[in-house]
PDB file of N, CA and C in Angstrom:
ATOM      1  N   UNK A   1      -5.332 -15.369  -1.529  1.00  0.00           N
ATOM      2  CA  UNK A   1      -5.719 -13.975  -1.534  1.00  0.00           C
ATOM      3  C   UNK A   1      -4.720 -13.150  -0.728  1.00  0.00           C
ATOM      4  N   UNK A   2      -4.264 -13.696   0.375  1.00  0.00           N
ATOM      5  CA  UNK A   2      -3.309 -12.977   1.214  1.00  0.00           C
ATOM      6  C   UNK A   2      -1.985 -12.771   0.482  1.00  0.00           C
ATOM      7  N   UNK A   3      -1.583 -13.750  -0.295  1.00  0.00           N
ATOM      8  CA  UNK A   3      -0.332 -13.639  -1.046  1.00  0.00           C
ATOM      9  C   UNK A   3      -0.422 -12.507  -2.062  1.00  0.00           C
ATOM     10  N   UNK A   4      -1.544 -12.384  -2.740  1.00  0.00           N
ATOM     11  CA  UNK A   4      -1.690 -11.304  -3.725  1.00  0.00           C
ATOM     12  C   UNK A   4      -1.742  -9.941  -3.053  1.00  0.00           C
ATOM     13  N   UNK A   5      -2.330  -9.855  -1.870  1.00  0.00           N
ATOM     14  CA  UNK A   5      -2.356  -8.582  -1.131  1.00  0.00           C
ATOM     15  C   UNK A   5      -0.943  -8.177  -0.732  1.00  0.00           C
ATOM     16  N   UNK A   6      -0.174  -9.126  -0.222  1.00  0.00           N
ATOM     17  CA  UNK A   6       1.200  -8.823   0.193  1.00  0.00           C
ATOM     18  C   UNK A   6       2.041  -8.428  -1.014  1.00  0.00           C
ATOM     19  N   UNK A   7       1.890  -9.137  -2.124  1.00  0.00           N
ATOM     20  CA  UNK A   7       2.642  -8.792  -3.341  1.00  0.00           C
ATOM     21  C   UNK A   7       2.299  -7.386  -3.828  1.00  0.00           C
ATOM     22  N   UNK A   8       1.029  -7.029  -3.824  1.00  0.00           N
ATOM     23  CA  UNK A   8       0.644  -5.703  -4.307  1.00  0.00           C
ATOM     24  C   UNK A   8       1.115  -4.601  -3.359  1.00  0.00           C
ATOM     25  N   UNK A   9       1.162  -4.878  -2.076  1.00  0.00           N
ATOM     26  CA  UNK A   9       1.660  -3.874  -1.124  1.00  0.00           C
ATOM     27  C   UNK A   9       3.161  -3.655  -1.309  1.00  0.00           C
ATOM     28  N   UNK A  10       3.909  -4.721  -1.525  1.00  0.00           N
ATOM     29  CA  UNK A  10       5.346  -4.587  -1.707  1.00  0.00           C
ATOM     30  C   UNK A  10       5.698  -4.065  -3.094  1.00  0.00           C
ATOM     31  N   UNK A  11       4.784  -4.188  -4.043  1.00  0.00           N
ATOM     32  CA  UNK A  11       5.015  -3.638  -5.377  1.00  0.00           C
ATOM     33  C   UNK A  11       5.147  -2.123  -5.317  1.00  0.00           C
ATOM     34  N   UNK A  12       4.457  -1.499  -4.392  1.00  0.00           N
ATOM     35  CA  UNK A  12       4.479  -0.041  -4.282  1.00  0.00           C
ATOM     36  C   UNK A  12       5.764   0.499  -3.674  1.00  0.00           C
ATOM     37  N   UNK A  13       6.486  -0.334  -2.966  1.00  0.00           N
ATOM     38  CA  UNK A  13       7.760   0.138  -2.428  1.00  0.00           C
ATOM     39  C   UNK A  13       8.932  -0.313  -3.285  1.00  0.00           C
ATOM     40  N   UNK A  14       8.641  -0.945  -4.414  1.00  0.00           N
ATOM     41  CA  UNK A  14       9.685  -1.289  -5.368  1.00  0.00           C
ATOM     42  C   UNK A  14      10.134  -2.727  -5.360  1.00  0.00           C
ATOM     43  N   UNK A  15       9.583  -3.555  -4.523  1.00  0.00           N
ATOM     44  CA  UNK A  15       9.956  -4.972  -4.479  1.00  0.00           C
ATOM     45  C   UNK A  15       9.060  -5.747  -5.439  1.00  0.00           C
ATOM     46  N   UNK A  16       9.441  -5.767  -6.709  1.00  0.00           N
ATOM     47  CA  UNK A  16       8.587  -6.402  -7.710  1.00  0.00           C
ATOM     48  C   UNK A  16       8.899  -7.877  -7.913  1.00  0.00           C
ATOM     49  N   UNK A  17      10.089  -8.310  -7.570  1.00  0.00           N
ATOM     50  CA  UNK A  17      10.471  -9.693  -7.828  1.00  0.00           C
ATOM     51  C   UNK A  17      10.599 -10.460  -6.520  1.00  0.00           C
ATOM     52  N   UNK A  18       9.485 -10.745  -5.903  1.00  0.00           N
ATOM     53  CA  UNK A  18       9.461 -11.534  -4.676  1.00  0.00           C
ATOM     54  C   UNK A  18       9.142 -12.981  -5.021  1.00  0.00           C
ATOM     55  N   UNK A  19       9.912 -13.892  -4.490  1.00  0.00           N
ATOM     56  CA  UNK A  19       9.600 -15.298  -4.712  1.00  0.00           C
ATOM     57  C   UNK A  19       8.486 -15.720  -3.752  1.00  0.00           C
ATOM     58  N   UNK A  20       7.949 -16.894  -3.994  1.00  0.00           N
ATOM     59  CA  UNK A  20       6.886 -17.386  -3.122  1.00  0.00           C
ATOM     60  C   UNK A  20       7.386 -17.583  -1.695  1.00  0.00           C
ATOM     61  N   UNK A  21       8.635 -18.015  -1.561  1.00  0.00           N
ATOM     62  CA  UNK A  21       9.176 -18.203  -0.210  1.00  0.00           C
ATOM     63  C   UNK A  21       9.381 -16.870   0.492  1.00  0.00           C
ATOM     64  N   UNK A  22       9.730 -15.816  -0.259  1.00  0.00           N
ATOM     65  CA  UNK A  22       9.841 -14.482   0.340  1.00  0.00           C
ATOM     66  C   UNK A  22       8.495 -14.008   0.869  1.00  0.00           C
ATOM     67  N   UNK A  23       7.474 -14.184   0.063  1.00  0.00           N
ATOM     68  CA  UNK A  23       6.128 -13.749   0.465  1.00  0.00           C
ATOM     69  C   UNK A  23       5.658 -14.543   1.678  1.00  0.00           C
ATOM     70  N   UNK A  24       5.891 -15.840   1.672  1.00  0.00           N
ATOM     71  CA  UNK A  24       5.494 -16.649   2.828  1.00  0.00           C
ATOM     72  C   UNK A  24       6.278 -16.259   4.074  1.00  0.00           C
ATOM     73  N   UNK A  25       7.541 -15.906   3.903  1.00  0.00           N
ATOM     74  CA  UNK A  25       8.339 -15.437   5.037  1.00  0.00           C
ATOM     75  C   UNK A  25       7.802 -14.143   5.609  1.00  0.00           C
ATOM     76  N   UNK A  26       7.379 -13.228   4.746  1.00  0.00           N
ATOM     77  CA  UNK A  26       6.790 -11.966   5.198  1.00  0.00           C
ATOM     78  C   UNK A  26       5.490 -12.227   5.941  1.00  0.00           C
ATOM     79  N   UNK A  27       4.685 -13.109   5.391  1.00  0.00           N
ATOM     80  CA  UNK A  27       3.395 -13.428   6.014  1.00  0.00           C
ATOM     81  C   UNK A  27       3.617 -14.038   7.396  1.00  0.00           C
ATOM     82  N   UNK A  28       4.587 -14.926   7.504  1.00  0.00           N
ATOM     83  CA  UNK A  28       4.838 -15.567   8.799  1.00  0.00           C
ATOM     84  C   UNK A  28       5.521 -14.630   9.783  1.00  0.00           C
ATOM     85  N   UNK A  29       6.390 -13.748   9.286  1.00  0.00           N
ATOM     86  CA  UNK A  29       7.085 -12.814  10.176  1.00  0.00           C
ATOM     87  C   UNK A  29       6.104 -11.858  10.838  1.00  0.00           C
ATOM     88  N   UNK A  30       5.189 -11.321  10.033  1.00  0.00           N
ATOM     89  CA  UNK A  30       4.208 -10.374  10.571  1.00  0.00           C
ATOM     90  C   UNK A  30       2.935 -11.061  11.058  1.00  0.00           C
ATOM     91  N   UNK A  31       2.932 -12.384  11.054  1.00  0.00           N
ATOM     92  CA  UNK A  31       1.813 -13.206  11.527  1.00  0.00           C
ATOM     93  C   UNK A  31       0.506 -12.835  10.838  1.00  0.00           C
ATOM     94  N   UNK A  32       0.603 -12.570   9.535  1.00  0.00           N
ATOM     95  CA  UNK A  32      -0.592 -12.213   8.779  1.00  0.00           C
ATOM     96  C   UNK A  32      -1.498 -13.407   8.550  1.00  0.00           C
ATOM     97  N   UNK A  33      -0.953 -14.618   8.680  1.00  0.00           N
ATOM     98  CA  UNK A  33      -1.781 -15.807   8.504  1.00  0.00           C
ATOM     99  C   UNK A  33      -2.758 -16.000   9.666  1.00  0.00           C
ATOM    100  N   UNK A  34      -2.572 -15.249  10.733  1.00  0.00           N
ATOM    101  CA  UNK A  34      -3.486 -15.308  11.879  1.00  0.00           C
ATOM    102  C   UNK A  34      -4.679 -14.362  11.727  1.00  0.00           C
ATOM    103  N   UNK A  35      -4.640 -13.511  10.691  1.00  0.00           N
ATOM    104  CA  UNK A  35      -5.747 -12.574  10.489  1.00  0.00           C
ATOM    105  C   UNK A  35      -7.019 -13.319  10.106  1.00  0.00           C
ATOM    106  N   UNK A  36      -8.151 -12.851  10.585  1.00  0.00           N
ATOM    107  CA  UNK A  36      -9.415 -13.461  10.168  1.00  0.00           C
ATOM    108  C   UNK A  36      -9.654 -13.226   8.672  1.00  0.00           C
ATOM    109  N   UNK A  37     -10.347 -14.140   8.034  1.00  0.00           N
ATOM    110  CA  UNK A  37     -10.568 -14.015   6.581  1.00  0.00           C
ATOM    111  C   UNK A  37     -11.291 -12.739   6.170  1.00  0.00           C
ATOM    112  N   UNK A  38     -12.168 -12.214   7.018  1.00  0.00           N
ATOM    113  CA  UNK A  38     -12.877 -10.998   6.630  1.00  0.00           C
ATOM    114  C   UNK A  38     -11.948  -9.786   6.632  1.00  0.00           C
ATOM    115  N   UNK A  39     -10.879  -9.794   7.425  1.00  0.00           N
ATOM    116  CA  UNK A  39      -9.891  -8.711   7.376  1.00  0.00           C
ATOM    117  C   UNK A  39      -9.110  -8.760   6.072  1.00  0.00           C
ATOM    118  N   UNK A  40      -8.772  -9.949   5.645  1.00  0.00           N
ATOM    119  CA  UNK A  40      -8.036 -10.108   4.386  1.00  0.00           C
ATOM    120  C   UNK A  40      -8.911  -9.668   3.221  1.00  0.00           C
ATOM    121  N   UNK A  41     -10.186 -10.023   3.266  1.00  0.00           N
ATOM    122  CA  UNK A  41     -11.110  -9.591   2.222  1.00  0.00           C
ATOM    123  C   UNK A  41     -11.249  -8.073   2.218  1.00  0.00           C
ATOM    124  N   UNK A  42     -11.296  -7.483   3.399  1.00  0.00           N
ATOM    125  CA  UNK A  42     -11.378  -6.030   3.510  1.00  0.00           C
ATOM    126  C   UNK A  42     -10.140  -5.379   2.903  1.00  0.00           C
ATOM    127  N   UNK A  43      -8.964  -5.907   3.216  1.00  0.00           N
ATOM    128  CA  UNK A  43      -7.725  -5.377   2.651  1.00  0.00           C
ATOM    129  C   UNK A  43      -7.709  -5.489   1.129  1.00  0.00           C
ATOM    130  N   UNK A  44      -8.079  -6.644   0.625  1.00  0.00           N
ATOM    131  CA  UNK A  44      -8.050  -6.836  -0.825  1.00  0.00           C
ATOM    132  C   UNK A  44      -9.108  -6.001  -1.531  1.00  0.00           C
ATOM    133  N   UNK A  45     -10.177  -5.674  -0.850  1.00  0.00           N
ATOM    134  CA  UNK A  45     -11.232  -4.861  -1.456  1.00  0.00           C
ATOM    135  C   UNK A  45     -10.892  -3.377  -1.464  1.00  0.00           C
ATOM    136  N   UNK A  46     -10.252  -2.902  -0.421  1.00  0.00           N
ATOM    137  CA  UNK A  46      -9.972  -1.465  -0.320  1.00  0.00           C
ATOM    138  C   UNK A  46      -8.613  -1.073  -0.887  1.00  0.00           C
ATOM    139  N   UNK A  47      -7.732  -2.030  -1.122  1.00  0.00           N
ATOM    140  CA  UNK A  47      -6.403  -1.712  -1.619  1.00  0.00           C
ATOM    141  C   UNK A  47      -6.418  -1.007  -2.980  1.00  0.00           C
ATOM    142  N   UNK A  48      -7.236  -1.422  -3.949  1.00  0.00           N
ATOM    143  CA  UNK A  48      -7.261  -0.678  -5.218  1.00  0.00           C
ATOM    144  C   UNK A  48      -7.730   0.769  -5.070  1.00  0.00           C
ATOM    145  N   UNK A  49      -8.657   1.011  -4.175  1.00  0.00           N
ATOM    146  CA  UNK A  49      -9.134   2.372  -3.946  1.00  0.00           C
ATOM    147  C   UNK A  49      -8.035   3.217  -3.325  1.00  0.00           C
ATOM    148  N   UNK A  50      -7.332   2.642  -2.350  1.00  0.00           N
ATOM    149  CA  UNK A  50      -6.228   3.362  -1.723  1.00  0.00           C
ATOM    150  C   UNK A  50      -5.101   3.631  -2.729  1.00  0.00           C
ATOM    151  N   UNK A  51      -4.859   2.694  -3.639  1.00  0.00           N
ATOM    152  CA  UNK A  51      -3.846   2.901  -4.674  1.00  0.00           C
ATOM    153  C   UNK A  51      -4.216   4.075  -5.568  1.00  0.00           C
ATOM    154  N   UNK A  52      -5.473   4.195  -5.923  1.00  0.00           N
ATOM    155  CA  UNK A  52      -5.924   5.315  -6.753  1.00  0.00           C
ATOM    156  C   UNK A  52      -5.771   6.642  -6.013  1.00  0.00           C
ATOM    157  N   UNK A  53      -6.092   6.649  -4.736  1.00  0.00           N
ATOM    158  CA  UNK A  53      -5.974   7.881  -3.944  1.00  0.00           C
ATOM    159  C   UNK A  53      -4.522   8.318  -3.841  1.00  0.00           C
ATOM    160  N   UNK A  54      -3.636   7.379  -3.557  1.00  0.00           N
ATOM    161  CA  UNK A  54      -2.214   7.710  -3.428  1.00  0.00           C
ATOM    162  C   UNK A  54      -1.647   8.171  -4.761  1.00  0.00           C
ATOM    163  N   UNK A  55      -2.045   7.520  -5.846  1.00  0.00           N
ATOM    164  CA  UNK A  55      -1.559   7.930  -7.174  1.00  0.00           C
ATOM    165  C   UNK A  55      -2.022   9.341  -7.502  1.00  0.00           C
ATOM    166  N   UNK A  56      -3.246   9.666  -7.161  1.00  0.00           N
ATOM    167  CA  UNK A  56      -3.770  11.008  -7.404  1.00  0.00           C
ATOM    168  C   UNK A  56      -3.015  12.043  -6.578  1.00  0.00           C
ATOM    169  N   UNK A  57      -2.744  11.729  -5.327  1.00  0.00           N
ATOM    170  CA  UNK A  57      -2.017  12.664  -4.466  1.00  0.00           C
ATOM    171  C   UNK A  57      -0.562  12.827  -4.900  1.00  0.00           C
ATOM    172  N   UNK A  58       0.037  11.785  -5.440  1.00  0.00           N
ATOM    173  CA  UNK A  58       1.426  11.877  -5.882  1.00  0.00           C
ATOM    174  C   UNK A  58       1.553  12.764  -7.121  1.00  0.00           C
ATOM    175  N   UNK A  59       0.515  12.823  -7.951  1.00  0.00           N
ATOM    176  CA  UNK A  59       0.544  13.645  -9.158  1.00  0.00           C
ATOM    177  C   UNK A  59       0.189  15.100  -8.870  1.00  0.00           C
ATOM    178  N   UNK A  60      -0.362  15.343  -7.711  1.00  0.00           N
ATOM    179  CA  UNK A  60      -0.827  16.676  -7.339  1.00  0.00           C
ATOM    180  C   UNK A  60       0.359  17.604  -7.080  1.00  0.00           C
ATOM    181  N   UNK A  61       0.293  18.783  -7.636  1.00  0.00           N
ATOM    182  CA  UNK A  61       1.314  19.784  -7.357  1.00  0.00           C
ATOM    183  C   UNK A  61       0.704  20.832  -6.443  1.00  0.00           C
ATOM    184  N   UNK A  62       1.373  21.073  -5.332  1.00  0.00           N
ATOM    185  CA  UNK A  62       0.869  21.992  -4.327  1.00  0.00           C
ATOM    186  C   UNK A  62       1.598  23.322  -4.485  1.00  0.00           C
ATOM    187  N   UNK A  63       0.834  24.377  -4.559  1.00  0.00           N
ATOM    188  CA  UNK A  63       1.397  25.715  -4.709  1.00  0.00           C
ATOM    189  C   UNK A  63       1.470  26.364  -3.328  1.00  0.00           C
ATOM    190  N   UNK A  64       2.689  26.611  -2.877  1.00  0.00           N
ATOM    191  CA  UNK A  64       2.898  27.173  -1.552  1.00  0.00           C
ATOM    192  C   UNK A  64       3.069  28.684  -1.578  1.00  0.00           C
ATOM    193  N   UNK A  65       2.893  29.331  -2.713  1.00  0.00           N
ATOM    194  CA  UNK A  65       3.122  30.768  -2.785  1.00  0.00           C
ATOM    195  C   UNK A  65       2.131  31.547  -1.921  1.00  0.00           C
ATOM    196  N   UNK A  66       0.903  31.069  -1.840  1.00  0.00           N
ATOM    197  CA  UNK A  66      -0.093  31.760  -1.024  1.00  0.00           C
ATOM    198  C   UNK A  66       0.297  31.700   0.462  1.00  0.00           C
ATOM    199  N   UNK A  67       0.874  30.620   0.874  1.00  0.00           N
ATOM    200  CA  UNK A  67       1.315  30.515   2.271  1.00  0.00           C
ATOM    201  C   UNK A  67       2.496  31.413   2.557  1.00  0.00           C
ATOM    202  N   UNK A  68       3.422  31.483   1.611  1.00  0.00           N
ATOM    203  CA  UNK A  68       4.603  32.303   1.799  1.00  0.00           C
ATOM    204  C   UNK A  68       4.235  33.786   1.775  1.00  0.00           C
ATOM    205  N   UNK A  69       3.333  34.183   0.883  1.00  0.00           N
ATOM    206  CA  UNK A  69       2.912  35.577   0.808  1.00  0.00           C
ATOM    207  C   UNK A  69       2.135  35.980   2.046  1.00  0.00           C
ATOM    208  N   UNK A  70       1.425  35.055   2.647  1.00  0.00           N
ATOM    209  CA  UNK A  70       0.647  35.375   3.836  1.00  0.00           C
ATOM    210  C   UNK A  70       1.518  35.666   5.042  1.00  0.00           C
ATOM    211  N   UNK A  71       2.724  35.104   5.092  1.00  0.00           N
ATOM    212  CA  UNK A  71       3.615  35.314   6.221  1.00  0.00           C
ATOM    213  C   UNK A  71       4.348  36.651   6.119  1.00  0.00           C
ATOM    214  N   UNK A  72       4.538  37.157   4.904  1.00  0.00           N
ATOM    215  CA  UNK A  72       5.356  38.374   4.714  1.00  0.00           C
ATOM    216  C   UNK A  72       4.675  39.619   5.157  1.00  0.00           C
TER     217      UNK A  72
END
């Protein structure tokens, strides 16, 4: 489960082709294997929701004209 969480997190920054040894190296470097199992379950459960939120915010276009007009 931890390997899939790490792969999905790195997928968002563009690292799509990680080998198993790369993922294990990341896990050992950041000592993620020391995390309690309920933290890993929490991460894997909330990650899809966070992905949806970030995707929605990335598609959002913010109109700053009201802010600029308010300063003038």
